[in-house]
């Protein structure tokens, strides 16, 4: 199994469309805020997190 932290691992481009499962550690306070907003809006909290990350990513370019 490759060591993903190794700088010698090839970083192949990721597809720009579609969703990919990942594991991420999120501060409990942040997760609670997204879950509360999800309840208020009826939108799944993962969708809200993804939208927030997309907005942030758009500022990088």
N, C-alpha and C. Protein backbone atom coordinates (compact mmCIF):
# COMPACT_ATOMS: atom_id res chain seq x y z
N UNK A 1 0.85 -1.18 0.00
CA UNK A 1 0.00 0.00 0.00
C UNK A 1 0.89 1.24 0.00
N UNK A 2 0.62 2.23 -0.86
CA UNK A 2 1.48 3.40 -0.92
C UNK A 2 1.35 4.27 0.32
N UNK A 3 2.42 4.97 0.62
CA UNK A 3 2.41 5.93 1.73
C UNK A 3 1.96 7.27 1.16
N UNK A 4 0.72 7.65 1.41
CA UNK A 4 0.15 8.85 0.81
C UNK A 4 0.80 10.12 1.32
N UNK A 5 1.51 10.07 2.43
CA UNK A 5 2.18 11.25 2.95
C UNK A 5 3.56 11.43 2.33
N UNK A 6 4.01 10.45 1.61
CA UNK A 6 5.34 10.50 1.01
C UNK A 6 5.36 11.49 -0.15
N UNK A 7 6.39 12.35 -0.23
CA UNK A 7 6.46 13.30 -1.33
C UNK A 7 6.75 12.63 -2.68
N UNK A 8 7.11 11.35 -2.69
CA UNK A 8 7.41 10.67 -3.94
C UNK A 8 6.16 10.09 -4.60
N UNK A 9 5.04 10.11 -3.91
CA UNK A 9 3.80 9.57 -4.48
C UNK A 9 3.32 10.51 -5.58
N UNK A 10 2.99 9.94 -6.73
CA UNK A 10 2.48 10.73 -7.85
C UNK A 10 1.15 11.34 -7.48
N UNK A 11 0.97 12.59 -7.82
CA UNK A 11 -0.29 13.27 -7.55
C UNK A 11 -1.04 13.41 -8.87
N UNK A 12 -1.74 12.36 -9.25
CA UNK A 12 -2.52 12.38 -10.48
C UNK A 12 -3.66 13.37 -10.32
N UNK A 13 -4.02 14.06 -11.40
CA UNK A 13 -5.12 15.02 -11.30
C UNK A 13 -6.43 14.32 -10.94
N UNK A 14 -7.18 14.96 -10.07
CA UNK A 14 -8.48 14.42 -9.67
C UNK A 14 -9.54 14.87 -10.67
N UNK A 15 -10.56 14.06 -10.86
CA UNK A 15 -11.63 14.50 -11.75
C UNK A 15 -12.32 15.74 -11.16
N UNK A 16 -12.72 16.66 -12.01
CA UNK A 16 -13.34 17.88 -11.52
C UNK A 16 -14.85 17.74 -11.35
N UNK A 17 -15.42 16.66 -11.84
CA UNK A 17 -16.85 16.46 -11.66
C UNK A 17 -17.08 15.21 -10.82
N UNK A 18 -18.25 15.14 -10.24
CA UNK A 18 -18.58 13.99 -9.41
C UNK A 18 -18.11 14.19 -7.98
N UNK A 19 -18.51 13.28 -7.15
CA UNK A 19 -18.16 13.36 -5.73
C UNK A 19 -17.25 12.20 -5.37
N UNK A 20 -16.33 12.44 -4.44
CA UNK A 20 -15.40 11.42 -3.98
C UNK A 20 -15.52 11.32 -2.46
N UNK A 21 -15.63 10.11 -1.93
CA UNK A 21 -15.68 9.97 -0.48
C UNK A 21 -14.30 10.25 0.12
N UNK A 22 -14.29 10.99 1.22
CA UNK A 22 -13.05 11.27 1.94
C UNK A 22 -13.32 11.17 3.43
N UNK A 23 -12.26 11.14 4.20
CA UNK A 23 -12.37 11.24 5.66
C UNK A 23 -11.73 12.55 6.06
N UNK A 24 -12.39 13.28 6.94
CA UNK A 24 -11.89 14.58 7.37
C UNK A 24 -12.29 14.79 8.83
N UNK A 25 -11.43 15.40 9.58
CA UNK A 25 -11.75 15.74 10.97
C UNK A 25 -12.25 17.19 10.99
N UNK A 26 -13.47 17.37 11.49
CA UNK A 26 -14.08 18.70 11.54
C UNK A 26 -14.37 19.02 13.00
N UNK A 27 -14.07 20.25 13.38
CA UNK A 27 -14.32 20.71 14.74
C UNK A 27 -15.79 20.47 15.09
N UNK A 28 -16.04 19.99 16.28
CA UNK A 28 -17.40 19.67 16.71
C UNK A 28 -18.34 20.85 16.64
N UNK A 29 -17.86 22.03 16.97
CA UNK A 29 -18.68 23.24 16.92
C UNK A 29 -19.11 23.55 15.49
N UNK A 30 -18.19 23.35 14.54
CA UNK A 30 -18.50 23.59 13.13
C UNK A 30 -19.53 22.58 12.63
N UNK A 31 -19.33 21.32 12.96
CA UNK A 31 -20.26 20.28 12.53
C UNK A 31 -21.65 20.53 13.12
N UNK A 32 -21.71 20.92 14.38
CA UNK A 32 -23.00 21.22 15.00
C UNK A 32 -23.70 22.37 14.28
N UNK A 33 -22.96 23.39 13.91
CA UNK A 33 -23.56 24.52 13.20
C UNK A 33 -24.15 24.08 11.86
N UNK A 34 -23.43 23.22 11.13
CA UNK A 34 -23.94 22.73 9.85
C UNK A 34 -25.16 21.84 10.06
N UNK A 35 -25.14 21.02 11.09
CA UNK A 35 -26.29 20.14 11.35
C UNK A 35 -27.52 20.94 11.76
N UNK A 36 -27.31 21.99 12.55
CA UNK A 36 -28.43 22.84 12.94
C UNK A 36 -29.02 23.55 11.73
N UNK A 37 -28.13 24.06 10.85
CA UNK A 37 -28.61 24.71 9.64
C UNK A 37 -29.33 23.72 8.73
N UNK A 38 -28.85 22.50 8.69
CA UNK A 38 -29.49 21.46 7.88
C UNK A 38 -30.92 21.20 8.36
N UNK A 39 -31.10 21.17 9.66
CA UNK A 39 -32.45 20.97 10.21
C UNK A 39 -33.37 22.11 9.85
N UNK A 40 -32.84 23.34 9.93
CA UNK A 40 -33.66 24.52 9.63
C UNK A 40 -34.07 24.57 8.16
N UNK A 41 -33.17 24.17 7.28
CA UNK A 41 -33.42 24.33 5.85
C UNK A 41 -33.92 23.07 5.17
N UNK A 42 -33.78 21.93 5.83
CA UNK A 42 -34.17 20.67 5.21
C UNK A 42 -33.16 20.18 4.18
N UNK A 43 -31.97 20.77 4.19
CA UNK A 43 -30.89 20.38 3.28
C UNK A 43 -29.92 19.50 4.05
N UNK A 44 -29.48 18.39 3.49
CA UNK A 44 -28.52 17.53 4.20
C UNK A 44 -27.26 18.31 4.59
N UNK A 45 -26.74 18.05 5.79
CA UNK A 45 -25.59 18.81 6.27
C UNK A 45 -24.36 18.60 5.40
N UNK A 46 -24.21 17.43 4.80
CA UNK A 46 -23.05 17.21 3.93
C UNK A 46 -23.14 18.08 2.68
N UNK A 47 -24.35 18.31 2.20
CA UNK A 47 -24.54 19.20 1.06
C UNK A 47 -24.14 20.62 1.44
N UNK A 48 -24.53 21.05 2.62
CA UNK A 48 -24.17 22.40 3.08
C UNK A 48 -22.65 22.55 3.22
N UNK A 49 -22.00 21.54 3.77
CA UNK A 49 -20.54 21.57 3.91
C UNK A 49 -19.90 21.61 2.52
N UNK A 50 -20.40 20.79 1.60
CA UNK A 50 -19.83 20.77 0.24
C UNK A 50 -19.98 22.14 -0.42
N UNK A 51 -21.14 22.78 -0.26
CA UNK A 51 -21.34 24.12 -0.85
C UNK A 51 -20.37 25.12 -0.25
N UNK A 52 -20.17 25.06 1.05
CA UNK A 52 -19.23 25.98 1.70
C UNK A 52 -17.81 25.76 1.19
N UNK A 53 -17.44 24.50 1.02
CA UNK A 53 -16.11 24.20 0.49
C UNK A 53 -15.97 24.64 -0.96
N UNK A 54 -17.03 24.49 -1.75
CA UNK A 54 -16.99 24.96 -3.14
C UNK A 54 -16.82 26.47 -3.18
N UNK A 55 -17.55 27.19 -2.34
CA UNK A 55 -17.40 28.65 -2.28
C UNK A 55 -15.98 29.05 -1.91
N UNK A 56 -15.41 28.35 -0.94
CA UNK A 56 -14.04 28.64 -0.53
C UNK A 56 -13.06 28.34 -1.66
N UNK A 57 -13.26 27.21 -2.34
CA UNK A 57 -12.36 26.82 -3.43
C UNK A 57 -12.42 27.83 -4.57
N UNK A 58 -13.58 28.41 -4.80
CA UNK A 58 -13.71 29.41 -5.87
C UNK A 58 -12.87 30.65 -5.59
N UNK A 59 -12.59 30.92 -4.33
CA UNK A 59 -11.77 32.10 -4.00
C UNK A 59 -10.29 31.84 -4.23
N UNK A 60 -9.89 30.60 -4.41
CA UNK A 60 -8.49 30.25 -4.60
C UNK A 60 -8.00 30.58 -6.00
N UNK A 61 -8.92 30.70 -6.95
CA UNK A 61 -8.49 30.90 -8.35
C UNK A 61 -8.51 32.35 -8.74
